Amino acid sequence: MVIIISPAKKMNVNTDLFPCRNLPCFMEDAKKLLAFLRGLTYEEAKAVWNCSDKLAALNYDRLQTMDLKRNLTPAILSYEGIQYQYMAPGVFTREAYEYIEAHLRILSGFYGMLRPFDGVTPYRLEMQAKLGSAEIDSLYDFWGGRIASKLFEEADTVLNLASKEYSRCISDYLPEDKKMITCVFGELIDGKVKEKGTMVKMARGEMVRYMAENHIEDLEDIKNFDRLGYAYAEPLSDQQTYVFLK
């Protein structure tokens, strides 16, 4: 069983807490994307990133000096979004770190797929970004089914805690003999399950933490998840979707 999560836009550098164990498995592809991005003008890069001038300037400067092999941060400690804050990997036990290294994979527009202790450097490139080139336009086309193929070399079952933007890299290429289960965290409003963005991110982080702390190997056991006021809703769930309601 493998757990997939999304990256976060905000990243940091932390080379002191833990050493990196590996380089990302799609390093050659990341090099191609880096070369492509370096060939863009500032305005072209800003359009790809769809961000403010302040963030565009920061990331454009990063491109010019980005080194994919030096001063790297373990991926699990590099991202700073809400999901990662609630996962709180900085205070994991050694056993929890070993669990996520074996089971957790971070999907990335730039790196493709990351293990928790793969070394990364800060970047900005969302999976849904349009690069506007005949050579590379859509990152979905660039990666194709390669991320899914690599993932399913490791496991027959995927627990999806990623956003749709990222999980489609796997779901669009799901083999018939493999299984993907998506967790939904919501509230029942007017008879429909409604998801709220911030709460979903919090719950996804808590779920990873819950699984790491309890060393969960059987996905049936995640139905006992009860953090942040959520509880498993069996009547609303099926073999492809586990629904948790507040």
C-alpha atoms as a PDB file:
ATOM      1  CA  MET A   1       0.000   0.000   0.000  1.00  0.00           C
ATOM      2  CA  VAL A   2       1.213   3.461  -0.960  1.00  0.00           C
ATOM      3  CA  ILE A   3      -0.195   6.815   0.216  1.00  0.00           C
ATOM      4  CA  ILE A   4      -0.121   9.746  -2.203  1.00  0.00           C
ATOM      5  CA  ILE A   5      -0.267  13.415  -1.214  1.00  0.00           C
ATOM      6  CA  SER A   6       0.116  16.751  -2.987  1.00  0.00           C
ATOM      7  CA  PRO A   7       3.069  19.092  -2.541  1.00  0.00           C
ATOM      8  CA  ALA A   8       2.720  22.633  -1.165  1.00  0.00           C
ATOM      9  CA  LYS A   9       3.542  25.912  -2.883  1.00  0.00           C
ATOM     10  CA  LYS A  10       5.571  27.254   0.035  1.00  0.00           C
ATOM     11  CA  MET A  11       8.910  25.554   0.620  1.00  0.00           C
ATOM     12  CA  ASN A  12      11.895  25.993   2.903  1.00  0.00           C
ATOM     13  CA  VAL A  13      15.505  24.868   3.192  1.00  0.00           C
ATOM     14  CA  ASN A  14      16.440  22.640   6.141  1.00  0.00           C
ATOM     15  CA  THR A  15      19.749  20.873   5.709  1.00  0.00           C
ATOM     16  CA  ASP A  16      20.446  20.374   9.427  1.00  0.00           C
ATOM     17  CA  LEU A  17      17.683  18.197  10.905  1.00  0.00           C
ATOM     18  CA  PHE A  18      18.061  15.043   8.793  1.00  0.00           C
ATOM     19  CA  PRO A  19      20.240  14.040   5.847  1.00  0.00           C
ATOM     20  CA  CYS A  20      18.670  13.189   2.499  1.00  0.00           C
ATOM     21  CA  ARG A  21      18.781   9.521   1.523  1.00  0.00           C
ATOM     22  CA  ASN A  22      18.313   9.655  -2.232  1.00  0.00           C
ATOM     23  CA  LEU A  23      17.844  11.867  -5.227  1.00  0.00           C
ATOM     24  CA  PRO A  24      14.366  11.896  -6.846  1.00  0.00           C
ATOM     25  CA  CYS A  25      13.695   8.984  -9.193  1.00  0.00           C
ATOM     26  CA  PHE A  26      12.793  11.282 -12.124  1.00  0.00           C
ATOM     27  CA  MET A  27      15.875  13.484 -11.801  1.00  0.00           C
ATOM     28  CA  GLU A  28      16.590  13.548 -15.546  1.00  0.00           C
ATOM     29  CA  ASP A  29      13.074  14.821 -16.197  1.00  0.00           C
ATOM     30  CA  ALA A  30      13.474  17.509 -13.534  1.00  0.00           C
ATOM     31  CA  LYS A  31      16.653  18.611 -15.304  1.00  0.00           C
ATOM     32  CA  LYS A  32      14.713  18.970 -18.563  1.00  0.00           C
ATOM     33  CA  LEU A  33      12.039  21.083 -16.847  1.00  0.00           C
ATOM     34  CA  LEU A  34      14.683  23.233 -15.188  1.00  0.00           C
ATOM     35  CA  ALA A  35      16.392  23.846 -18.532  1.00  0.00           C
ATOM     36  CA  PHE A  36      13.046  24.740 -20.083  1.00  0.00           C
ATOM     37  CA  LEU A  37      12.144  27.179 -17.292  1.00  0.00           C
ATOM     38  CA  ARG A  38      15.564  28.822 -17.455  1.00  0.00           C
ATOM     39  CA  GLY A  39      14.931  29.539 -21.107  1.00  0.00           C
ATOM     40  CA  LEU A  40      11.838  31.629 -20.335  1.00  0.00           C
ATOM     41  CA  THR A  41      11.819  35.387 -19.984  1.00  0.00           C
ATOM     42  CA  TYR A  42      10.687  36.833 -16.664  1.00  0.00           C
ATOM     43  CA  GLU A  43       7.232  37.621 -18.049  1.00  0.00           C
ATOM     44  CA  GLU A  44       6.865  34.154 -19.545  1.00  0.00           C
ATOM     45  CA  ALA A  45       7.867  32.520 -16.262  1.00  0.00           C
ATOM     46  CA  LYS A  46       5.480  34.746 -14.302  1.00  0.00           C
ATOM     47  CA  ALA A  47       2.636  33.674 -16.608  1.00  0.00           C
ATOM     48  CA  VAL A  48       3.470  30.011 -15.981  1.00  0.00           C
ATOM     49  CA  TRP A  49       3.512  30.562 -12.230  1.00  0.00           C
ATOM     50  CA  ASN A  50       0.441  32.835 -12.229  1.00  0.00           C
ATOM     51  CA  CYS A  51       1.665  34.645  -9.126  1.00  0.00           C
ATOM     52  CA  SER A  52       2.508  38.100  -7.774  1.00  0.00           C
ATOM     53  CA  ASP A  53       5.544  40.112  -8.865  1.00  0.00           C
ATOM     54  CA  LYS A  54       7.182  39.452  -5.492  1.00  0.00           C
ATOM     55  CA  LEU A  55       6.873  35.662  -5.820  1.00  0.00           C
ATOM     56  CA  ALA A  56       7.786  35.731  -9.505  1.00  0.00           C
ATOM     57  CA  ALA A  57      10.977  37.678  -8.777  1.00  0.00           C
ATOM     58  CA  LEU A  58      11.917  35.271  -5.981  1.00  0.00           C
ATOM     59  CA  ASN A  59      11.394  32.189  -8.121  1.00  0.00           C
ATOM     60  CA  TYR A  60      12.976  33.666 -11.251  1.00  0.00           C
ATOM     61  CA  ASP A  61      16.120  34.416  -9.242  1.00  0.00           C
ATOM     62  CA  ARG A  62      16.043  30.871  -7.855  1.00  0.00           C
ATOM     63  CA  LEU A  63      16.008  29.439 -11.370  1.00  0.00           C
ATOM     64  CA  GLN A  64      19.302  31.032 -12.273  1.00  0.00           C
ATOM     65  CA  THR A  65      21.216  29.387  -9.412  1.00  0.00           C
ATOM     66  CA  MET A  66      19.139  26.256  -8.753  1.00  0.00           C
ATOM     67  CA  ASP A  67      21.293  23.203  -8.026  1.00  0.00           C
ATOM     68  CA  LEU A  68      19.446  19.876  -8.057  1.00  0.00           C
ATOM     69  CA  LYS A  69      22.235  17.999  -6.271  1.00  0.00           C
ATOM     70  CA  ARG A  70      23.524  20.310  -3.522  1.00  0.00           C
ATOM     71  CA  ASN A  71      22.152  21.883  -0.324  1.00  0.00           C
ATOM     72  CA  LEU A  72      19.080  19.686  -0.512  1.00  0.00           C
ATOM     73  CA  THR A  73      16.261  19.264   2.009  1.00  0.00           C
ATOM     74  CA  PRO A  74      14.376  15.993   2.615  1.00  0.00           C
ATOM     75  CA  ALA A  75      11.095  16.438   0.736  1.00  0.00           C
ATOM     76  CA  ILE A  76       8.931  15.751   3.788  1.00  0.00           C
ATOM     77  CA  LEU A  77      10.587  18.649   5.636  1.00  0.00           C
ATOM     78  CA  SER A  78      10.709  21.013   2.676  1.00  0.00           C
ATOM     79  CA  TYR A  79       6.995  21.690   2.129  1.00  0.00           C
ATOM     80  CA  GLU A  80       5.199  24.103   4.484  1.00  0.00           C
ATOM     81  CA  GLY A  81       1.515  23.977   3.520  1.00  0.00           C
ATOM     82  CA  ILE A  82      -1.401  23.324   5.878  1.00  0.00           C
ATOM     83  CA  GLN A  83      -1.355  19.582   5.219  1.00  0.00           C
ATOM     84  CA  TYR A  84       2.299  19.406   6.246  1.00  0.00           C
ATOM     85  CA  GLN A  85       1.724  21.536   9.323  1.00  0.00           C
ATOM     86  CA  TYR A  86      -0.920  19.099  10.578  1.00  0.00           C
ATOM     87  CA  MET A  87       1.189  16.118   9.609  1.00  0.00           C
ATOM     88  CA  ALA A  88       3.997  17.682  11.697  1.00  0.00           C
ATOM     89  CA  PRO A  89       6.793  15.428  10.398  1.00  0.00           C
ATOM     90  CA  GLY A  90       9.406  17.445  12.297  1.00  0.00           C
ATOM     91  CA  VAL A  91       8.402  15.671  15.516  1.00  0.00           C
ATOM     92  CA  PHE A  92       7.884  12.142  14.152  1.00  0.00           C
ATOM     93  CA  THR A  93       9.462   9.200  15.915  1.00  0.00           C
ATOM     94  CA  ARG A  94      12.115   7.191  14.092  1.00  0.00           C
ATOM     95  CA  GLU A  95       9.522   4.451  13.549  1.00  0.00           C
ATOM     96  CA  ALA A  96       7.097   6.941  11.997  1.00  0.00           C
ATOM     97  CA  TYR A  97       9.826   8.196   9.637  1.00  0.00           C
ATOM     98  CA  GLU A  98      10.547   4.656   8.516  1.00  0.00           C
ATOM     99  CA  TYR A  99       6.828   4.084   7.950  1.00  0.00           C
ATOM    100  CA  ILE A 100       6.386   7.121   5.701  1.00  0.00           C
ATOM    101  CA  GLU A 101       9.611   6.404   3.815  1.00  0.00           C
ATOM    102  CA  ALA A 102       8.140   3.004   2.949  1.00  0.00           C
ATOM    103  CA  HIS A 103       4.554   4.087   2.300  1.00  0.00           C
ATOM    104  CA  LEU A 104       4.266   7.824   1.518  1.00  0.00           C
ATOM    105  CA  ARG A 105       4.836   9.397  -1.908  1.00  0.00           C
ATOM    106  CA  ILE A 106       4.584  13.109  -2.749  1.00  0.00           C
ATOM    107  CA  LEU A 107       3.445  13.970  -6.273  1.00  0.00           C
ATOM    108  CA  SER A 108       5.130  16.962  -7.893  1.00  0.00           C
ATOM    109  CA  GLY A 109       4.834  18.901 -11.129  1.00  0.00           C
ATOM    110  CA  PHE A 110       8.602  19.454 -11.144  1.00  0.00           C
ATOM    111  CA  TYR A 111       9.988  16.226  -9.654  1.00  0.00           C
ATOM    112  CA  GLY A 112       7.227  13.811 -10.684  1.00  0.00           C
ATOM    113  CA  MET A 113       7.190  11.691  -7.538  1.00  0.00           C
ATOM    114  CA  LEU A 114       9.154  11.968  -4.307  1.00  0.00           C
ATOM    115  CA  ARG A 115       9.930   9.693  -1.411  1.00  0.00           C
ATOM    116  CA  PRO A 116       9.967  11.523   1.949  1.00  0.00           C
ATOM    117  CA  PHE A 117      13.760  11.592   2.228  1.00  0.00           C
ATOM    118  CA  ASP A 118      14.528  12.416  -1.388  1.00  0.00           C
ATOM    119  CA  GLY A 119      16.570  15.615  -1.538  1.00  0.00           C
ATOM    120  CA  VAL A 120      14.835  18.606  -3.095  1.00  0.00           C
ATOM    121  CA  THR A 121      15.438  22.303  -3.599  1.00  0.00           C
ATOM    122  CA  PRO A 122      12.701  24.976  -3.510  1.00  0.00           C
ATOM    123  CA  TYR A 123      10.843  25.360  -6.818  1.00  0.00           C
ATOM    124  CA  ARG A 124       7.505  26.627  -8.093  1.00  0.00           C
ATOM    125  CA  LEU A 125       5.686  24.562 -10.689  1.00  0.00           C
ATOM    126  CA  GLU A 126       2.126  23.363 -10.190  1.00  0.00           C
ATOM    127  CA  MET A 127       0.950  20.284 -12.044  1.00  0.00           C
ATOM    128  CA  GLN A 128      -1.850  22.171 -13.799  1.00  0.00           C
ATOM    129  CA  ALA A 129       0.496  24.893 -15.085  1.00  0.00           C
ATOM    130  CA  LYS A 130       0.454  25.612 -18.816  1.00  0.00           C
ATOM    131  CA  LEU A 131       3.978  26.075 -20.125  1.00  0.00           C
ATOM    132  CA  GLY A 132       2.850  27.380 -23.489  1.00  0.00           C
ATOM    133  CA  SER A 133       5.448  25.655 -25.631  1.00  0.00           C
ATOM    134  CA  ALA A 134       5.280  23.256 -28.541  1.00  0.00           C
ATOM    135  CA  GLU A 135       7.963  21.280 -26.732  1.00  0.00           C
ATOM    136  CA  ILE A 136       6.281  21.249 -23.314  1.00  0.00           C
ATOM    137  CA  ASP A 137       2.786  22.654 -22.888  1.00  0.00           C
ATOM    138  CA  SER A 138       0.920  20.524 -20.373  1.00  0.00           C
ATOM    139  CA  LEU A 139       2.715  18.842 -17.478  1.00  0.00           C
ATOM    140  CA  TYR A 140       0.050  16.139 -17.619  1.00  0.00           C
ATOM    141  CA  ASP A 141       1.265  15.337 -21.130  1.00  0.00           C
ATOM    142  CA  PHE A 142       4.912  15.684 -20.131  1.00  0.00           C
ATOM    143  CA  TRP A 143       4.594  13.121 -17.328  1.00  0.00           C
ATOM    144  CA  GLY A 144       1.962  10.967 -19.047  1.00  0.00           C
ATOM    145  CA  GLY A 145       1.562   7.621 -17.306  1.00  0.00           C
ATOM    146  CA  ARG A 146       5.132   7.426 -16.036  1.00  0.00           C
ATOM    147  CA  ILE A 147       4.381   8.533 -12.473  1.00  0.00           C
ATOM    148  CA  ALA A 148       1.564   6.005 -12.167  1.00  0.00           C
ATOM    149  CA  SER A 149       3.704   3.258 -13.679  1.00  0.00           C
ATOM    150  CA  LYS A 150       6.485   3.928 -11.178  1.00  0.00           C
ATOM    151  CA  LEU A 151       4.027   4.046  -8.294  1.00  0.00           C
ATOM    152  CA  PHE A 152       2.424   0.737  -9.190  1.00  0.00           C
ATOM    153  CA  GLU A 153       5.813  -0.924  -9.299  1.00  0.00           C
ATOM    154  CA  GLU A 154       5.765  -0.437  -5.524  1.00  0.00           C
ATOM    155  CA  ALA A 155       2.225  -1.406  -4.551  1.00  0.00           C
ATOM    156  CA  ASP A 156      -1.088  -2.772  -5.800  1.00  0.00           C
ATOM    157  CA  THR A 157      -3.174  -0.358  -3.707  1.00  0.00           C
ATOM    158  CA  VAL A 158      -3.012   3.439  -3.496  1.00  0.00           C
ATOM    159  CA  LEU A 159      -4.585   5.505  -0.737  1.00  0.00           C
ATOM    160  CA  ASN A 160      -5.343   8.867  -2.318  1.00  0.00           C
ATOM    161  CA  LEU A 161      -4.900  11.872  -0.024  1.00  0.00           C
ATOM    162  CA  ALA A 162      -3.938  14.171  -2.897  1.00  0.00           C
ATOM    163  CA  SER A 163      -5.924  16.923  -4.590  1.00  0.00           C
ATOM    164  CA  LYS A 164      -7.606  16.177  -7.922  1.00  0.00           C
ATOM    165  CA  GLU A 165      -4.967  18.316  -9.655  1.00  0.00           C
ATOM    166  CA  TYR A 166      -2.343  15.757  -8.659  1.00  0.00           C
ATOM    167  CA  SER A 167      -4.272  12.514  -8.196  1.00  0.00           C
ATOM    168  CA  ARG A 168      -5.362  12.502 -11.856  1.00  0.00           C
ATOM    169  CA  CYS A 169      -1.734  11.645 -12.693  1.00  0.00           C
ATOM    170  CA  ILE A 170      -2.519   8.294 -11.091  1.00  0.00           C
ATOM    171  CA  SER A 171      -6.276   7.826 -11.591  1.00  0.00           C
ATOM    172  CA  ASP A 172      -6.068   8.463 -15.360  1.00  0.00           C
ATOM    173  CA  TYR A 173      -3.665   5.515 -15.669  1.00  0.00           C
ATOM    174  CA  LEU A 174      -5.107   3.105 -13.105  1.00  0.00           C
ATOM    175  CA  PRO A 175      -4.588  -0.500 -14.290  1.00  0.00           C
ATOM    176  CA  GLU A 176      -7.524  -2.885 -13.977  1.00  0.00           C
ATOM    177  CA  ASP A 177      -5.645  -5.088 -11.541  1.00  0.00           C
ATOM    178  CA  LYS A 178      -4.752  -2.209  -9.177  1.00  0.00           C
ATOM    179  CA  LYS A 179      -6.874  -0.373  -6.625  1.00  0.00           C
ATOM    180  CA  MET A 180      -7.105   3.292  -5.665  1.00  0.00           C
ATOM    181  CA  ILE A 181      -9.085   4.459  -2.638  1.00  0.00           C
ATOM    182  CA  THR A 182      -9.812   8.162  -2.192  1.00  0.00           C
ATOM    183  CA  CYS A 183     -10.475   9.689   1.221  1.00  0.00           C
ATOM    184  CA  VAL A 184     -13.168  12.369   1.375  1.00  0.00           C
ATOM    185  CA  PHE A 185     -13.356  14.666   4.420  1.00  0.00           C
ATOM    186  CA  GLY A 186     -16.522  16.716   4.617  1.00  0.00           C
ATOM    187  CA  GLU A 187     -19.772  17.691   6.280  1.00  0.00           C
ATOM    188  CA  LEU A 188     -23.267  16.536   5.435  1.00  0.00           C
ATOM    189  CA  ILE A 189     -25.211  19.624   4.331  1.00  0.00           C
ATOM    190  CA  ASP A 190     -28.696  19.333   2.798  1.00  0.00           C
ATOM    191  CA  GLY A 191     -28.078  15.647   2.228  1.00  0.00           C
ATOM    192  CA  LYS A 192     -24.815  16.178   0.325  1.00  0.00           C
ATOM    193  CA  VAL A 193     -21.206  15.812   1.404  1.00  0.00           C
ATOM    194  CA  LYS A 194     -19.514  19.211   1.226  1.00  0.00           C
ATOM    195  CA  GLU A 195     -15.734  19.546   1.444  1.00  0.00           C
ATOM    196  CA  LYS A 196     -14.086  22.718   2.744  1.00  0.00           C
ATOM    197  CA  GLY A 197     -10.595  23.347   1.385  1.00  0.00           C
ATOM    198  CA  THR A 198      -8.713  24.223   4.565  1.00  0.00           C
ATOM    199  CA  MET A 199     -10.357  21.492   6.630  1.00  0.00           C
ATOM    200  CA  VAL A 200      -9.613  18.911   3.933  1.00  0.00           C
ATOM    201  CA  LYS A 201      -5.918  19.842   3.955  1.00  0.00           C
ATOM    202  CA  MET A 202      -5.835  19.635   7.750  1.00  0.00           C
ATOM    203  CA  ALA A 203      -7.520  16.230   7.720  1.00  0.00           C
ATOM    204  CA  ARG A 204      -5.186  14.831   5.061  1.00  0.00           C
ATOM    205  CA  GLY A 205      -2.204  15.799   7.161  1.00  0.00           C
ATOM    206  CA  GLU A 206      -3.749  14.300  10.283  1.00  0.00           C
ATOM    207  CA  MET A 207      -4.515  11.082   8.398  1.00  0.00           C
ATOM    208  CA  VAL A 208      -0.877  10.653   7.353  1.00  0.00           C
ATOM    209  CA  ARG A 209       0.190  11.300  10.939  1.00  0.00           C
ATOM    210  CA  TYR A 210      -2.409   8.840  12.244  1.00  0.00           C
ATOM    211  CA  MET A 211      -1.226   6.132   9.877  1.00  0.00           C
ATOM    212  CA  ALA A 212       2.446   6.747  10.672  1.00  0.00           C
ATOM    213  CA  GLU A 213       1.906   6.722  14.422  1.00  0.00           C
ATOM    214  CA  ASN A 214      -0.146   3.532  14.265  1.00  0.00           C
ATOM    215  CA  HIS A 215       1.975   1.830  11.551  1.00  0.00           C
ATOM    216  CA  ILE A 216      -1.147   0.997   9.565  1.00  0.00           C
ATOM    217  CA  GLU A 217      -0.692  -1.714   6.949  1.00  0.00           C
ATOM    218  CA  ASP A 218      -4.345  -2.725   6.456  1.00  0.00           C
ATOM    219  CA  LEU A 219      -6.484   0.056   4.980  1.00  0.00           C
ATOM    220  CA  GLU A 220      -9.490  -1.247   6.908  1.00  0.00           C
ATOM    221  CA  ASP A 221      -7.817   0.192   9.996  1.00  0.00           C
ATOM    222  CA  ILE A 222      -8.013   3.788   8.777  1.00  0.00           C
ATOM    223  CA  LYS A 223     -11.771   3.592   9.261  1.00  0.00           C
ATOM    224  CA  ASN A 224     -11.016   4.133  12.953  1.00  0.00           C
ATOM    225  CA  PHE A 225      -9.642   7.617  12.203  1.00  0.00           C
ATOM    226  CA  ASP A 226     -11.327  10.086  14.560  1.00  0.00           C
ATOM    227  CA  ARG A 227      -9.140  13.192  14.619  1.00  0.00           C
ATOM    228  CA  LEU A 228     -10.393  16.766  14.118  1.00  0.00           C
ATOM    229  CA  GLY A 229     -13.898  15.510  14.890  1.00  0.00           C
ATOM    230  CA  TYR A 230     -14.152  13.245  11.835  1.00  0.00           C
ATOM    231  CA  ALA A 231     -15.691   9.777  11.826  1.00  0.00           C
ATOM    232  CA  TYR A 232     -15.960   7.157   9.100  1.00  0.00           C
ATOM    233  CA  ALA A 233     -19.357   7.236   7.357  1.00  0.00           C
ATOM    234  CA  GLU A 234     -19.942   3.698   6.140  1.00  0.00           C
ATOM    235  CA  PRO A 235     -23.321   4.334   4.418  1.00  0.00           C
ATOM    236  CA  LEU A 236     -21.692   6.977   2.190  1.00  0.00           C
ATOM    237  CA  SER A 237     -18.526   5.001   1.436  1.00  0.00           C
ATOM    238  CA  ASP A 238     -17.726   2.316  -1.112  1.00  0.00           C
ATOM    239  CA  GLN A 239     -14.746   0.304  -2.350  1.00  0.00           C
ATOM    240  CA  GLN A 240     -13.237   3.328  -4.114  1.00  0.00           C
ATOM    241  CA  THR A 241     -14.140   6.077  -1.636  1.00  0.00           C
ATOM    242  CA  TYR A 242     -13.847   6.316   2.138  1.00  0.00           C
ATOM    243  CA  VAL A 243     -15.984   9.176   3.458  1.00  0.00           C
ATOM    244  CA  PHE A 244     -15.277  10.829   6.804  1.00  0.00           C
ATOM    245  CA  LEU A 245     -17.753  13.344   8.231  1.00  0.00           C
ATOM    246  CA  LYS A 246     -17.505  15.941  10.960  1.00  0.00           C
END
